[in-house]
Structure formats: C-alpha cells, structure tokens
Protein backbone atom coordinates (compact mmCIF):
# COMPACT_ATOMS: atom_id res chain seq x y z
CA MET A 1 -9.84 -8.29 -8.16
CA ASP A 2 -6.82 -10.72 -8.21
CA LEU A 3 -3.76 -10.12 -6.13
CA ALA A 4 -1.61 -9.66 -9.26
CA MET A 5 -3.57 -6.60 -10.22
CA ALA A 6 -3.56 -5.27 -6.72
CA GLN A 7 0.18 -5.53 -6.77
CA ARG A 8 0.32 -3.78 -10.10
CA LEU A 9 -1.68 -0.81 -8.64
CA VAL A 10 0.73 -0.63 -5.70
CA ASP A 11 3.76 -0.64 -8.02
CA ARG A 12 2.34 2.02 -10.34
CA ARG A 13 1.58 4.28 -7.51
CA LYS A 14 5.02 3.94 -5.99
CA ALA A 15 6.57 4.41 -9.39
CA ALA A 16 4.68 7.64 -9.68
CA GLU A 17 5.90 8.59 -6.24
CA LEU A 18 2.36 9.12 -4.90
CA SER A 19 0.96 8.27 -1.47
CA GLN A 20 -2.35 6.73 -1.01
CA GLU A 21 -3.67 10.04 0.31
CA ALA A 22 -2.38 11.88 -2.76
CA LEU A 23 -3.71 9.35 -5.29
CA ALA A 24 -7.18 9.38 -3.60
CA ALA A 25 -7.23 13.20 -3.77
CA GLN A 26 -6.54 13.14 -7.59
CA LEU A 27 -9.15 10.51 -8.25
CA GLY A 28 -11.81 12.00 -5.88
CA VAL A 29 -12.10 8.98 -3.82
CA SER A 30 -11.37 8.13 -0.13
CA ARG A 31 -7.92 6.87 0.96
CA GLN A 32 -9.65 3.81 2.31
CA ALA A 33 -11.00 2.99 -1.28
CA VAL A 34 -7.36 3.12 -2.64
CA SER A 35 -6.20 1.01 0.28
CA LYS A 36 -8.79 -1.63 -0.38
CA TRP A 37 -7.86 -1.79 -4.10
CA GLU A 38 -4.32 -2.38 -3.28
CA ARG A 39 -5.18 -5.14 -0.83
CA SER A 40 -7.51 -6.82 -3.43
CA GLU A 41 -10.56 -6.30 -1.21
CA SER A 42 -12.38 -4.43 -3.91
CA SER A 43 -12.05 -3.41 -7.48
CA PRO A 44 -11.97 0.20 -9.01
CA ASP A 45 -14.76 0.96 -11.36
CA THR A 46 -14.32 1.67 -15.06
CA ASP A 47 -14.00 5.34 -14.60
CA ASN A 48 -11.37 4.96 -11.96
CA LEU A 49 -9.48 2.38 -14.08
CA ILE A 50 -9.36 4.92 -16.93
CA ALA A 51 -8.28 7.78 -14.67
CA LEU A 52 -5.59 5.49 -13.25
CA ALA A 53 -4.26 4.52 -16.55
CA ALA A 54 -4.09 8.11 -17.71
CA LEU A 55 -2.48 9.16 -14.49
CA TYR A 56 0.23 6.51 -14.81
CA GLY A 57 0.68 7.05 -18.56
CA VAL A 58 -0.17 3.39 -19.43
CA SER A 59 -2.84 1.77 -21.40
CA LEU A 60 -5.81 0.22 -19.88
CA ASP A 61 -4.56 -3.26 -20.88
CA GLU A 62 -1.13 -2.65 -19.30
CA LEU A 63 -2.89 -1.61 -16.00
CA LEU A 64 -5.21 -4.62 -16.20
CA TYR A 65 -3.10 -7.37 -17.45
CA GLY A 66 0.56 -6.05 -16.84
CA GLU A 67 1.53 -6.14 -20.57
CA ALA A 68 0.85 -4.10 -23.55
CA VAL A 69 -1.43 -5.47 -26.30
CA ASP A 70 -2.42 -4.43 -29.78
CA SER A 71 -4.68 -1.40 -30.35
CA THR A 72 -7.12 -3.79 -32.06
CA ASP A 73 -7.79 -5.38 -28.70
CA ASP A 74 -8.46 -2.17 -26.94
CA SER A 75 -12.24 -2.36 -27.41
CA GLN A 76 -12.31 -6.01 -26.25
CA ALA A 77 -10.34 -5.12 -23.18
CA ASP A 78 -12.60 -2.19 -22.36
CA ASP A 79 -15.66 -4.51 -22.73
CA GLU A 80 -13.87 -7.06 -20.53
CA ALA A 81 -13.17 -4.42 -17.99
CA GLN A 82 -16.78 -3.28 -18.09
CA ASP A 83 -18.11 -6.70 -17.75
CA SER A 84 -15.69 -7.33 -14.90
CA ASP A 85 -16.81 -4.11 -13.26
CA ALA A 86 -20.43 -5.05 -13.78
CA GLY A 87 -19.88 -8.46 -12.27
CA ALA A 88 -17.97 -6.91 -9.36
CA LYS A 89 -20.75 -4.47 -8.69
CA ALA A 90 -23.39 -7.21 -8.99
CA SER A 91 -21.34 -9.25 -6.60
CA ASP A 92 -21.04 -6.34 -4.23
CA ARG A 93 -24.80 -5.73 -4.33
CA ALA A 94 -25.44 -9.35 -3.60
CA GLU A 95 -23.05 -9.31 -0.60
CA GLU A 96 -24.66 -6.09 0.68
CA ALA A 97 -28.05 -7.70 0.22
CA GLU A 98 -26.92 -10.83 2.09
CA ALA A 99 -25.21 -8.80 4.77
CA SER A 100 -28.36 -6.70 5.21
CA THR A 101 -30.35 -9.85 5.56
CA GLU A 102 -28.06 -11.26 8.23
CA HIS A 103 -28.00 -7.93 9.97
CA ALA A 104 -31.94 -7.99 9.96
CA ASP A 105 -31.79 -11.47 11.38
CA CYS A 106 -29.46 -10.69 14.23
CA GLY A 107 -30.56 -7.16 15.06
CA ASP A 108 -28.03 -4.96 16.61
CA LYS A 109 -25.75 -7.82 17.47
CA PRO A 110 -22.21 -8.07 15.88
CA LEU A 111 -22.20 -9.96 12.56
CA VAL A 112 -19.67 -12.90 12.43
CA ASP A 113 -18.71 -14.84 9.31
CA ILE A 114 -16.13 -17.61 9.38
CA SER A 115 -14.98 -19.61 6.51
CA LEU A 116 -11.83 -21.21 5.19
CA ALA A 117 -11.67 -19.01 2.07
CA ARG A 118 -12.62 -15.67 3.50
CA GLY A 119 -11.21 -16.11 6.98
CA ILE A 120 -12.84 -14.46 10.01
CA HIS A 121 -15.01 -11.31 9.57
CA VAL A 122 -16.65 -9.51 12.36
CA ILE A 123 -18.81 -6.38 11.94
CA ASP A 124 -20.29 -4.40 14.81
CA PRO A 125 -22.92 -1.94 13.43
CA ASN A 126 -23.42 -0.18 16.60
CA LYS A 127 -19.75 0.78 17.15
CA GLY A 128 -18.95 1.10 13.44
CA GLU A 129 -16.20 -1.39 13.79
CA GLU A 130 -15.04 -4.04 11.52
CA VAL A 131 -12.35 -6.78 11.89
CA HIS A 132 -11.10 -9.14 9.21
CA VAL A 133 -8.54 -11.90 9.66
CA GLY A 134 -7.72 -13.77 6.56
CA TRP A 135 -5.03 -14.97 4.14
CA SER A 136 -4.13 -11.35 3.30
CA GLY A 137 -3.47 -10.43 6.89
CA ILE A 138 -5.33 -8.61 9.72
CA HIS A 139 -7.38 -5.64 8.96
CA VAL A 140 -9.27 -3.48 11.56
CA THR A 141 -11.38 -0.38 10.91
CA ASN A 142 -13.44 2.00 12.88
CA GLU A 143 -15.43 4.24 10.54
CA ARG A 144 -16.77 6.46 13.26
CA LYS A 145 -13.36 7.48 14.43
CA GLY A 146 -11.87 7.21 11.12
CA GLU A 147 -9.11 4.72 12.21
CA GLU A 148 -7.78 1.86 10.14
CA VAL A 149 -5.01 -0.69 10.87
CA HIS A 150 -3.68 -3.29 8.52
CA VAL A 151 -1.00 -5.95 9.21
CA GLY A 152 -0.12 -8.15 6.37
CA PRO A 153 2.69 -9.30 3.89
CA GLY A 154 2.96 -5.76 2.74
CA GLY A 155 3.90 -4.56 6.14
CA LEU A 156 2.14 -2.35 8.77
CA HIS A 157 -0.29 0.32 7.95
CA ILE A 158 -1.94 2.63 10.49
CA ASP A 159 -4.07 5.62 9.53
CA THR A 160 -6.17 7.97 11.49
CA LEU A 161 -8.32 10.59 9.72
CA GLU A 162 -8.83 12.98 12.65
CA ASP A 163 -7.13 16.35 12.52
CA ASP A 164 -4.48 15.30 15.10
CA GLY A 165 -4.28 11.81 13.82
CA HIS A 166 -1.22 10.21 12.04
CA SER A 167 -0.50 7.93 9.18
CA VAL A 168 2.17 5.18 9.63
CA HIS A 169 3.32 2.83 6.98
CA THR A 170 6.19 0.29 6.86
CA ASN A 171 7.65 -0.17 3.35
CA ASP A 172 9.05 -3.15 1.53
CA ASP A 173 12.58 -1.63 1.62
CA GLY A 174 12.54 -1.52 5.47
CA THR A 175 11.84 2.20 5.70
CA VAL A 176 9.01 3.74 7.62
CA THR A 177 6.76 6.49 6.32
CA ILE A 178 5.14 8.63 8.94
CA ASP A 179 2.66 11.44 7.92
CA GLY A 180 4.08 11.37 4.29
CA GLU A 181 7.79 11.58 5.59
CA THR A 182 9.98 8.55 4.97
CA PHE A 183 12.67 7.47 7.57
CA SER A 184 15.38 4.82 7.00
CA SER A 185 14.36 3.02 10.19
CA TRP A 186 12.20 3.20 13.32
CA LYS A 187 15.21 4.47 15.31
CA GLU A 188 15.67 7.38 12.93
CA ALA A 189 11.99 8.34 13.33
CA HIS A 190 12.20 7.97 17.09
CA ASP A 191 15.22 10.31 17.15
CA LYS A 192 13.77 13.01 14.89
CA LEU A 193 10.16 13.01 16.21
CA ASP A 194 8.77 13.75 19.62
CA HIS A 195 5.90 11.68 21.26
CA HIS A 196 3.33 13.79 19.18
CA GLY A 197 4.94 12.68 15.90
CA LYS A 198 6.31 16.21 15.34
CA HIS A 199 9.84 17.31 14.57
CA PHE A 200 11.90 18.89 17.32
CA ASN A 201 12.65 22.59 16.91
CA THR A 202 15.55 22.89 19.44
CA GLY A 203 18.35 20.65 20.72
CA LEU A 204 17.22 21.37 24.35
CA GLY A 205 13.80 20.24 23.45
CA ARG A 206 15.01 17.09 21.93
CA ALA A 207 17.29 16.29 24.96
CA TRP A 208 14.34 17.19 27.36
CA ASN A 209 11.84 14.93 25.75
CA LYS A 210 14.39 11.98 25.22
CA PHE A 211 15.37 12.00 28.92
CA PRO A 212 13.67 8.78 30.60
CA PHE A 213 11.84 10.94 33.19
CA PRO A 214 9.01 8.15 33.87
CA ALA A 215 11.88 5.72 34.93
CA LEU A 216 13.36 8.38 37.27
CA VAL A 217 9.85 8.96 38.86
CA ALA A 218 9.47 5.12 39.31
CA LEU A 219 12.85 5.02 41.00
CA ALA A 220 11.98 7.91 43.24
CA TYR A 221 8.71 6.27 44.28
CA LEU A 222 10.57 3.01 45.24
CA VAL A 223 13.19 4.97 47.20
CA LEU A 224 10.67 7.05 49.05
CA GLY A 225 8.50 4.03 49.68
CA ILE A 226 11.32 2.03 51.04
CA ALA A 227 12.97 4.65 53.00
CA TYR A 228 9.98 6.52 54.52
CA GLY A 229 6.95 4.24 53.92
CA THR A 230 5.17 6.79 51.72
CA TRP A 231 3.69 4.37 49.34
CA GLY A 232 0.37 6.18 49.19
CA MET A 233 1.72 9.74 49.01
CA GLY A 234 4.35 8.67 46.63
CA LEU A 235 1.77 7.90 43.97
CA LEU A 236 1.24 11.64 43.58
CA LEU A 237 4.74 11.61 41.81
CA VAL A 238 2.88 10.10 38.72
CA PHE A 239 1.43 13.54 37.96
CA LEU A 240 4.92 14.92 37.51
CA VAL A 241 5.15 12.91 34.17
CA PRO A 242 2.69 14.81 32.09
CA VAL A 243 4.03 18.16 33.70
CA TYR A 244 7.50 17.13 32.67
CA TYR A 245 6.67 16.50 29.01
CA ALA A 246 4.39 19.62 28.80
CA ILE A 247 7.49 21.70 29.98
CA GLY A 248 9.57 19.97 27.24
CA ASP A 249 7.01 20.90 24.63
CA PHE A 250 7.01 24.49 25.83
CA ILE A 251 10.73 24.64 25.69
CA ASP A 252 10.69 23.31 22.15
CA ARG A 253 7.63 25.05 20.80
CA ARG A 254 7.03 28.12 23.07
CA HIS A 255 3.32 27.36 23.30
CA LEU A 256 2.20 28.81 26.65
CA SER A 257 -1.43 27.90 26.25
CA LYS A 258 -0.57 24.17 25.65
CA LEU A 259 1.63 24.24 28.77
CA ILE A 260 -1.14 25.59 30.95
CA GLU A 261 -3.79 23.20 29.37
CA CYS A 262 -1.59 20.27 30.23
CA VAL A 263 -0.07 21.43 33.66
CA TYR A 264 -3.33 22.76 35.18
CA PRO A 265 -5.40 19.63 35.05
CA ALA A 266 -2.49 17.45 36.47
CA ALA A 267 -2.00 19.98 39.24
CA ALA A 268 -5.63 20.26 40.02
CA ILE A 269 -6.19 16.56 40.32
CA ALA A 270 -3.13 15.99 42.44
CA TRP A 271 -4.21 18.76 44.76
CA PHE A 272 -7.68 17.33 45.03
CA LEU A 273 -6.36 13.84 45.77
CA TYR A 274 -4.01 15.20 48.40
CA MET A 275 -7.00 17.12 50.14
CA TRP A 276 -9.16 14.05 50.00
CA LEU A 277 -6.84 11.11 50.77
CA CYS A 278 -4.20 12.88 53.05
CA LEU A 279 -6.27 15.48 54.83
CA GLY A 280 -9.75 14.04 54.59
CA GLN A 281 -11.25 17.27 53.08
CA PRO A 282 -12.79 16.40 49.70
CA HIS A 283 -15.24 19.17 50.22
CA PRO A 284 -15.00 21.96 49.00
CA ALA A 285 -11.73 20.66 47.33
CA TRP A 286 -13.74 19.02 44.51
CA ILE A 287 -14.68 22.43 43.11
CA ILE A 288 -11.35 22.79 41.54
CA LEU A 289 -12.18 19.78 39.21
CA ILE A 290 -15.00 21.83 37.72
CA THR A 291 -12.46 24.44 36.61
CA ILE A 292 -10.55 22.00 34.42
CA PRO A 293 -12.76 21.97 31.39
CA ILE A 294 -13.17 25.81 31.82
CA VAL A 295 -9.34 26.34 31.71
CA LYS A 296 -8.94 23.95 28.72
CA ALA A 297 -11.64 25.78 26.74
CA LEU A 298 -10.20 29.04 27.54
CA MET A 299 -6.75 27.98 26.34
CA ARG A 300 -8.08 26.66 23.06
CA TRP A 301 -9.97 29.88 22.60
CA CYS A 302 -6.81 31.90 23.13
CA ARG A 303 -4.91 29.65 20.56
CA LYS A 304 -7.79 30.15 18.08
CA GLN A 305 -7.67 33.84 18.57
CA TRP A 306 -3.94 34.06 18.20
CA LYS A 307 -4.05 31.94 15.09
CA CYS A 308 -6.70 34.24 13.48
CA ARG A 309 -4.60 37.30 14.52
CA LYS A 310 -1.58 35.81 12.86
CA GLN A 311 -3.44 34.99 9.63
CA ALA A 312 -4.81 38.47 9.48
C-alpha cells in the first residue's frame, strides 16, 4: 500500500475522532494491524476496506484514491481492489515463504535483512522481537510482551498491551495522547499525571509526588559521606526513595495494601543488607527475604477480595 493511501486512512480515522484501539475494536482486528496500515507496512483486505468505507461514510473509491468517481466505475474499482488485495496476499505469502526458508537456514539465530529500499530488518524468533529501521522511521515490537514503539515522521508512538501498560502518541499538532487522553504538551501531562500515568486525586498527593525527593536523598548521601565518612552505610538511603513514593500514592489514593506491598520489600532488603554488611550476620537474616513474595501475594489477594466485595 502506498504512503498516500496510508495517510488517507490516518486522516479519515482522525476525522471520525477514533483512536487506533477504538477502530480496531469496531473492525475486529488488532491495534497493531491498524497501525501497520497507517504506516504503509501492510494493506487491509477487501472486507476491511469495505468496512472502513462504510464506517467513514465514503465510497470505496474515495477511500482508495482520495476522490469520488462515477458509480459506473464502482465495479471496476472493486475489481481493482480485489486484484490489489490478491496481489498483496500473494506477495505476503511469498515473503512469508522466503522468511521461513531463511529461518530454516539460520536455525534459531536472529534473521537480518539489509537493503537500500527496505532498510535494516532484524527478527529474533526466540525472543519474539522485531526491529525495522527504514525510510518510514524506526519500528520496534515485542510480540511476547505486547510492546510496540514507532518513531517516524508521524511522531512517537508507544503502546503496551499488558493490563498495567500504557499508550503514548505524539500528534501532528504538538499535543500528546496518553491512554486516550490528549494533553496540550508534555508539561501538562507531567503536571496532571503521576509516575504511574494516573491522575492525582488530591493536592497533597500531587505536591508529595512532585517533590524532588531523589535529589534530596543524593544530597544527604553526599553530606553524610563527606562529614562522617559513611559512604557504605549511606547507600541504604536509596531505599527511602520507593518508600517515599509509596507513601505519596497512599496519601493520594488510600490503598493500604499497595503501601505495604511497596514498603515491606524495601524495608526487608535494607534490613538484610544492614545485618550482612554492617554486622556480619547474613544468617539467619536472609530468611526475611523469603517473606517478600509471601507478603506481596497476600496483599494482592486482599485487593482482589476487596474488589469482589465492592462489586457484590
């Protein structure tokens, strides 16, 4: 598919005020498929082209060629679309066959393809990773983790498909879209969202999380090291950083289980290091490390039970 049609797909989607995720849900395809259409890396089949035209309220010819044509040409355009789709599928099958042959030749080693027209393409079948550097930009995917990053003329696109993942897109007008919400700038997004990408609930929580506590810890470490020579012991101050932000999240969201889930591992590891490095008693202090996954599992179970109780 040519770049002009790919751009038309982008323009039509934006005009319909649909995100890639919303469009993919309506068509019954993956968000990655929509993304590849709009980057001219693959072509939608005939069924999807017809569905797109109906969704956008345009004819198939307008979607394919960017201008309306007479109804007498509809059948010809459909035939051309089908022929184009058949050719694309044949090309895809040929590429898959070629790729499978190359994979068979190189075993489990990463497949590398370098050409002036296609750019640099690296596939690692063992890790499920794919990297493409070409004229359209840089594209990195990890199918196993559901992660995708694209940097190109259209801006920056970052998507993670896991439950706690996020979607970040930069737009042509300079705005930033994070998890479907558009901000006028990166600064506005930074001011309104915490380090988890969620909105602050309270002013105190916002102020707490925006305070540069890591810089204060670094300053305290230098002062203690210079004044008292406690360079080794001072490293334990690092464990205060996750504790500080966990307290901030608790102030803002009142989730006690998440506070314990974050504070307990940091405190347990810090205590073990103190017993081992400072007092020379790693045994039986190491036992406390075993309790960390137990506490985390217990807190997650508590949250699940609480959620089920609220829904009931």
